[in-house]
Amino acid sequence: MWLGHVAIGGEKSIGRGTVSGLSASINFKGKTYALDKDGKVTAGDAAELSKLAAAVKDWRDGK
């Protein structure tokens, strides 16, 4: 989302409504994952974070 691919609110077509950032830090169940501006994992286990992201996607999709 913070790479600007997902609209927040409306009016994306006129240049508003997206989020962008330089880095992200995710804290979940006592573990921390960090991502750089390109989405590359710079701290934490990348494979574990990928599994967590897949689980969130499956939950969102009702799987």
PDB file of N, CA and C in Angstrom:
ATOM      1  N   MET A   1       0.826  -1.185   0.000  1.00  0.00           N
ATOM      2  CA  MET A   1       0.000   0.000   0.000  1.00  0.00           C
ATOM      3  C   MET A   1       0.876   1.256   0.000  1.00  0.00           C
ATOM      4  N   TRP A   2       1.953   1.257   0.760  1.00  0.00           N
ATOM      5  CA  TRP A   2       2.756   2.464   0.873  1.00  0.00           C
ATOM      6  C   TRP A   2       3.640   2.710  -0.343  1.00  0.00           C
ATOM      7  N   LEU A   3       3.575   1.808  -1.335  1.00  0.00           N
ATOM      8  CA  LEU A   3       4.287   2.025  -2.592  1.00  0.00           C
ATOM      9  C   LEU A   3       3.446   2.804  -3.589  1.00  0.00           C
ATOM     10  N   GLY A   4       2.218   3.199  -3.172  1.00  0.00           N
ATOM     11  CA  GLY A   4       1.365   4.004  -4.033  1.00  0.00           C
ATOM     12  C   GLY A   4       0.492   3.204  -4.968  1.00  0.00           C
ATOM     13  N   HIS A   5       0.383   1.880  -4.750  1.00  0.00           N
ATOM     14  CA  HIS A   5      -0.409   1.030  -5.634  1.00  0.00           C
ATOM     15  C   HIS A   5      -1.873   0.917  -5.228  1.00  0.00           C
ATOM     16  N   VAL A   6      -2.191   1.284  -4.011  1.00  0.00           N
ATOM     17  CA  VAL A   6      -3.554   1.141  -3.501  1.00  0.00           C
ATOM     18  C   VAL A   6      -4.115   2.519  -3.179  1.00  0.00           C
ATOM     19  N   ALA A   7      -5.321   2.771  -3.666  1.00  0.00           N
ATOM     20  CA  ALA A   7      -5.959   4.066  -3.413  1.00  0.00           C
ATOM     21  C   ALA A   7      -6.516   4.115  -1.998  1.00  0.00           C
ATOM     22  N   ILE A   8      -6.374   5.264  -1.378  1.00  0.00           N
ATOM     23  CA  ILE A   8      -6.954   5.518  -0.066  1.00  0.00           C
ATOM     24  C   ILE A   8      -8.016   6.585  -0.292  1.00  0.00           C
ATOM     25  N   GLY A   9      -9.254   6.225  -0.091  1.00  0.00           N
ATOM     26  CA  GLY A   9     -10.329   7.171  -0.380  1.00  0.00           C
ATOM     27  C   GLY A   9     -10.594   7.237  -1.872  1.00  0.00           C
ATOM     28  N   GLY A  10     -11.031   8.364  -2.340  1.00  0.00           N
ATOM     29  CA  GLY A  10     -11.354   8.513  -3.752  1.00  0.00           C
ATOM     30  C   GLY A  10     -10.422   9.473  -4.453  1.00  0.00           C
ATOM     31  N   GLU A  11     -10.728   9.771  -5.674  1.00  0.00           N
ATOM     32  CA  GLU A  11     -10.044  10.770  -6.487  1.00  0.00           C
ATOM     33  C   GLU A  11      -8.608  10.411  -6.849  1.00  0.00           C
ATOM     34  N   LYS A  12      -8.283   9.113  -6.949  1.00  0.00           N
ATOM     35  CA  LYS A  12      -6.939   8.713  -7.351  1.00  0.00           C
ATOM     36  C   LYS A  12      -6.632   9.181  -8.769  1.00  0.00           C
ATOM     37  N   SER A  13      -7.634   9.192  -9.626  1.00  0.00           N
ATOM     38  CA  SER A  13      -7.410   9.532 -11.033  1.00  0.00           C
ATOM     39  C   SER A  13      -6.948  10.973 -11.230  1.00  0.00           C
ATOM     40  N   ILE A  14      -7.137  11.830 -10.234  1.00  0.00           N
ATOM     41  CA  ILE A  14      -6.675  13.217 -10.376  1.00  0.00           C
ATOM     42  C   ILE A  14      -5.456  13.505  -9.495  1.00  0.00           C
ATOM     43  N   GLY A  15      -4.808  12.425  -9.057  1.00  0.00           N
ATOM     44  CA  GLY A  15      -3.556  12.601  -8.340  1.00  0.00           C
ATOM     45  C   GLY A  15      -3.633  12.635  -6.836  1.00  0.00           C
ATOM     46  N   ARG A  16      -4.782  12.301  -6.275  1.00  0.00           N
ATOM     47  CA  ARG A  16      -4.896  12.259  -4.813  1.00  0.00           C
ATOM     48  C   ARG A  16      -5.326  10.871  -4.383  1.00  0.00           C
ATOM     49  N   GLY A  17      -5.102  10.570  -3.134  1.00  0.00           N
ATOM     50  CA  GLY A  17      -5.659   9.347  -2.566  1.00  0.00           C
ATOM     51  C   GLY A  17      -4.732   8.157  -2.483  1.00  0.00           C
ATOM     52  N   THR A  18      -3.417   8.325  -2.642  1.00  0.00           N
ATOM     53  CA  THR A  18      -2.498   7.212  -2.455  1.00  0.00           C
ATOM     54  C   THR A  18      -1.497   7.548  -1.355  1.00  0.00           C
ATOM     55  N   VAL A  19      -0.844   6.510  -0.865  1.00  0.00           N
ATOM     56  CA  VAL A  19       0.154   6.665   0.184  1.00  0.00           C
ATOM     57  C   VAL A  19       1.500   6.262  -0.409  1.00  0.00           C
ATOM     58  N   SER A  20       2.530   7.006  -0.081  1.00  0.00           N
ATOM     59  CA  SER A  20       3.874   6.599  -0.472  1.00  0.00           C
ATOM     60  C   SER A  20       4.802   6.832   0.710  1.00  0.00           C
ATOM     61  N   GLY A  21       5.889   6.088   0.758  1.00  0.00           N
ATOM     62  CA  GLY A  21       6.788   6.219   1.887  1.00  0.00           C
ATOM     63  C   GLY A  21       8.213   5.844   1.539  1.00  0.00           C
ATOM     64  N   LEU A  22       9.097   6.034   2.483  1.00  0.00           N
ATOM     65  CA  LEU A  22      10.510   5.726   2.285  1.00  0.00           C
ATOM     66  C   LEU A  22      10.919   4.421   2.966  1.00  0.00           C
ATOM     67  N   SER A  23      10.165   4.026   3.978  1.00  0.00           N
ATOM     68  CA  SER A  23      10.455   2.783   4.676  1.00  0.00           C
ATOM     69  C   SER A  23       9.236   2.383   5.494  1.00  0.00           C
ATOM     70  N   ALA A  24       9.265   1.132   5.957  1.00  0.00           N
ATOM     71  CA  ALA A  24       8.176   0.658   6.806  1.00  0.00           C
ATOM     72  C   ALA A  24       8.752  -0.259   7.870  1.00  0.00           C
ATOM     73  N   SER A  25       8.135  -0.234   9.023  1.00  0.00           N
ATOM     74  CA  SER A  25       8.504  -1.121  10.115  1.00  0.00           C
ATOM     75  C   SER A  25       7.232  -1.825  10.579  1.00  0.00           C
ATOM     76  N   ILE A  26       7.291  -3.143  10.609  1.00  0.00           N
ATOM     77  CA  ILE A  26       6.131  -3.948  11.003  1.00  0.00           C
ATOM     78  C   ILE A  26       6.499  -4.705  12.272  1.00  0.00           C
ATOM     79  N   ASN A  27       5.707  -4.516  13.316  1.00  0.00           N
ATOM     80  CA  ASN A  27       5.905  -5.233  14.577  1.00  0.00           C
ATOM     81  C   ASN A  27       4.719  -6.166  14.756  1.00  0.00           C
ATOM     82  N   PHE A  28       5.016  -7.473  14.859  1.00  0.00           N
ATOM     83  CA  PHE A  28       3.952  -8.460  14.983  1.00  0.00           C
ATOM     84  C   PHE A  28       4.410  -9.593  15.887  1.00  0.00           C
ATOM     85  N   LYS A  29       3.669  -9.809  16.955  1.00  0.00           N
ATOM     86  CA  LYS A  29       3.941 -10.890  17.908  1.00  0.00           C
ATOM     87  C   LYS A  29       5.398 -10.912  18.361  1.00  0.00           C
ATOM     88  N   GLY A  30       5.903  -9.731  18.725  1.00  0.00           N
ATOM     89  CA  GLY A  30       7.243  -9.633  19.267  1.00  0.00           C
ATOM     90  C   GLY A  30       8.369  -9.647  18.243  1.00  0.00           C
ATOM     91  N   LYS A  31       8.044  -9.721  16.967  1.00  0.00           N
ATOM     92  CA  LYS A  31       9.067  -9.704  15.920  1.00  0.00           C
ATOM     93  C   LYS A  31       8.923  -8.415  15.118  1.00  0.00           C
ATOM     94  N   THR A  32      10.060  -7.930  14.618  1.00  0.00           N
ATOM     95  CA  THR A  32      10.062  -6.704  13.827  1.00  0.00           C
ATOM     96  C   THR A  32      10.621  -6.990  12.446  1.00  0.00           C
ATOM     97  N   TYR A  33       9.948  -6.442  11.450  1.00  0.00           N
ATOM     98  CA  TYR A  33      10.373  -6.548  10.059  1.00  0.00           C
ATOM     99  C   TYR A  33      10.501  -5.126   9.527  1.00  0.00           C
ATOM    100  N   ALA A  34      11.532  -4.861   8.749  1.00  0.00           N
ATOM    101  CA  ALA A  34      11.718  -3.533   8.170  1.00  0.00           C
ATOM    102  C   ALA A  34      11.827  -3.672   6.660  1.00  0.00           C
ATOM    103  N   LEU A  35      11.241  -2.705   5.952  1.00  0.00           N
ATOM    104  CA  LEU A  35      11.293  -2.683   4.496  1.00  0.00           C
ATOM    105  C   LEU A  35      11.832  -1.339   4.039  1.00  0.00           C
ATOM    106  N   ASP A  36      12.578  -1.358   2.931  1.00  0.00           N
ATOM    107  CA  ASP A  36      13.075  -0.103   2.384  1.00  0.00           C
ATOM    108  C   ASP A  36      12.064   0.468   1.386  1.00  0.00           C
ATOM    109  N   LYS A  37      12.416   1.557   0.729  1.00  0.00           N
ATOM    110  CA  LYS A  37      11.474   2.243  -0.160  1.00  0.00           C
ATOM    111  C   LYS A  37      11.048   1.400  -1.348  1.00  0.00           C
ATOM    112  N   ASP A  38      11.829   0.345  -1.684  1.00  0.00           N
ATOM    113  CA  ASP A  38      11.482  -0.533  -2.802  1.00  0.00           C
ATOM    114  C   ASP A  38      10.733  -1.779  -2.351  1.00  0.00           C
ATOM    115  N   GLY A  39      10.466  -1.894  -1.048  1.00  0.00           N
ATOM    116  CA  GLY A  39       9.758  -3.045  -0.517  1.00  0.00           C
ATOM    117  C   GLY A  39      10.664  -4.206  -0.157  1.00  0.00           C
ATOM    118  N   LYS A  40      11.978  -4.012  -0.231  1.00  0.00           N
ATOM    119  CA  LYS A  40      12.931  -5.059   0.129  1.00  0.00           C
ATOM    120  C   LYS A  40      13.027  -5.163   1.648  1.00  0.00           C
ATOM    121  N   VAL A  41      12.976  -6.398   2.153  1.00  0.00           N
ATOM    122  CA  VAL A  41      13.084  -6.629   3.597  1.00  0.00           C
ATOM    123  C   VAL A  41      14.531  -6.402   4.019  1.00  0.00           C
ATOM    124  N   THR A  42      14.729  -5.456   4.931  1.00  0.00           N
ATOM    125  CA  THR A  42      16.067  -5.126   5.407  1.00  0.00           C
ATOM    126  C   THR A  42      16.313  -5.612   6.832  1.00  0.00           C
ATOM    127  N   ALA A  43      15.283  -6.023   7.529  1.00  0.00           N
ATOM    128  CA  ALA A  43      15.431  -6.585   8.873  1.00  0.00           C
ATOM    129  C   ALA A  43      14.311  -7.592   9.102  1.00  0.00           C
ATOM    130  N   GLY A  44      14.650  -8.696   9.721  1.00  0.00           N
ATOM    131  CA  GLY A  44      13.672  -9.746   9.955  1.00  0.00           C
ATOM    132  C   GLY A  44      13.760 -10.804   8.862  1.00  0.00           C
ATOM    133  N   ASP A  45      13.017 -11.867   9.027  1.00  0.00           N
ATOM    134  CA  ASP A  45      13.015 -13.004   8.106  1.00  0.00           C
ATOM    135  C   ASP A  45      12.060 -12.734   6.944  1.00  0.00           C
ATOM    136  N   ALA A  46      12.601 -12.549   5.742  1.00  0.00           N
ATOM    137  CA  ALA A  46      11.787 -12.220   4.560  1.00  0.00           C
ATOM    138  C   ALA A  46      10.788 -13.327   4.235  1.00  0.00           C
ATOM    139  N   ALA A  47      11.188 -14.587   4.370  1.00  0.00           N
ATOM    140  CA  ALA A  47      10.293 -15.705   4.066  1.00  0.00           C
ATOM    141  C   ALA A  47       9.119 -15.743   5.046  1.00  0.00           C
ATOM    142  N   GLU A  48       9.411 -15.488   6.307  1.00  0.00           N
ATOM    143  CA  GLU A  48       8.352 -15.473   7.334  1.00  0.00           C
ATOM    144  C   GLU A  48       7.372 -14.325   7.070  1.00  0.00           C
ATOM    145  N   LEU A  49       7.899 -13.161   6.712  1.00  0.00           N
ATOM    146  CA  LEU A  49       7.040 -12.016   6.404  1.00  0.00           C
ATOM    147  C   LEU A  49       6.177 -12.305   5.177  1.00  0.00           C
ATOM    148  N   SER A  50       6.735 -12.976   4.204  1.00  0.00           N
ATOM    149  CA  SER A  50       5.979 -13.342   3.007  1.00  0.00           C
ATOM    150  C   SER A  50       4.815 -14.271   3.352  1.00  0.00           C
ATOM    151  N   LYS A  51       5.050 -15.221   4.247  1.00  0.00           N
ATOM    152  CA  LYS A  51       3.979 -16.128   4.693  1.00  0.00           C
ATOM    153  C   LYS A  51       2.883 -15.356   5.424  1.00  0.00           C
ATOM    154  N   LEU A  52       3.278 -14.391   6.264  1.00  0.00           N
ATOM    155  CA  LEU A  52       2.289 -13.573   6.965  1.00  0.00           C
ATOM    156  C   LEU A  52       1.461 -12.751   5.977  1.00  0.00           C
ATOM    157  N   ALA A  53       2.122 -12.175   4.979  1.00  0.00           N
ATOM    158  CA  ALA A  53       1.416 -11.389   3.969  1.00  0.00           C
ATOM    159  C   ALA A  53       0.444 -12.259   3.187  1.00  0.00           C
ATOM    160  N   ALA A  54       0.849 -13.483   2.853  1.00  0.00           N
ATOM    161  CA  ALA A  54      -0.034 -14.405   2.136  1.00  0.00           C
ATOM    162  C   ALA A  54      -1.247 -14.768   2.985  1.00  0.00           C
ATOM    163  N   ALA A  55      -1.036 -14.943   4.291  1.00  0.00           N
ATOM    164  CA  ALA A  55      -2.146 -15.264   5.189  1.00  0.00           C
ATOM    165  C   ALA A  55      -3.141 -14.108   5.265  1.00  0.00           C
ATOM    166  N   VAL A  56      -2.641 -12.883   5.296  1.00  0.00           N
ATOM    167  CA  VAL A  56      -3.525 -11.704   5.312  1.00  0.00           C
ATOM    168  C   VAL A  56      -4.311 -11.624   4.008  1.00  0.00           C
ATOM    169  N   LYS A  57      -3.657 -11.874   2.883  1.00  0.00           N
ATOM    170  CA  LYS A  57      -4.331 -11.855   1.581  1.00  0.00           C
ATOM    171  C   LYS A  57      -5.420 -12.920   1.523  1.00  0.00           C
ATOM    172  N   ASP A  58      -5.092 -14.143   1.985  1.00  0.00           N
ATOM    173  CA  ASP A  58      -6.096 -15.215   2.004  1.00  0.00           C
ATOM    174  C   ASP A  58      -7.283 -14.838   2.882  1.00  0.00           C
ATOM    175  N   TRP A  59      -7.016 -14.240   4.030  1.00  0.00           N
ATOM    176  CA  TRP A  59      -8.085 -13.813   4.933  1.00  0.00           C
ATOM    177  C   TRP A  59      -8.963 -12.772   4.237  1.00  0.00           C
ATOM    178  N   ARG A  60      -8.310 -11.798   3.593  1.00  0.00           N
ATOM    179  CA  ARG A  60      -9.046 -10.746   2.887  1.00  0.00           C
ATOM    180  C   ARG A  60      -9.912 -11.335   1.775  1.00  0.00           C
ATOM    181  N   ASP A  61      -9.385 -12.345   1.079  1.00  0.00           N
ATOM    182  CA  ASP A  61     -10.104 -12.959  -0.033  1.00  0.00           C
ATOM    183  C   ASP A  61     -11.114 -14.009   0.407  1.00  0.00           C
ATOM    184  N   GLY A  62     -11.209 -14.244   1.732  1.00  0.00           N
ATOM    185  CA  GLY A  62     -12.188 -15.184   2.266  1.00  0.00           C
ATOM    186  C   GLY A  62     -11.793 -16.640   2.099  1.00  0.00           C
ATOM    187  N   LYS A  63     -10.516 -16.902   2.003  1.00  0.00           N
ATOM    188  CA  LYS A  63     -10.041 -18.297   1.824  1.00  0.00           C
ATOM    189  C   LYS A  63      -9.789 -18.964   3.149  1.00  0.00           C
TER     190      LYS A  63
END
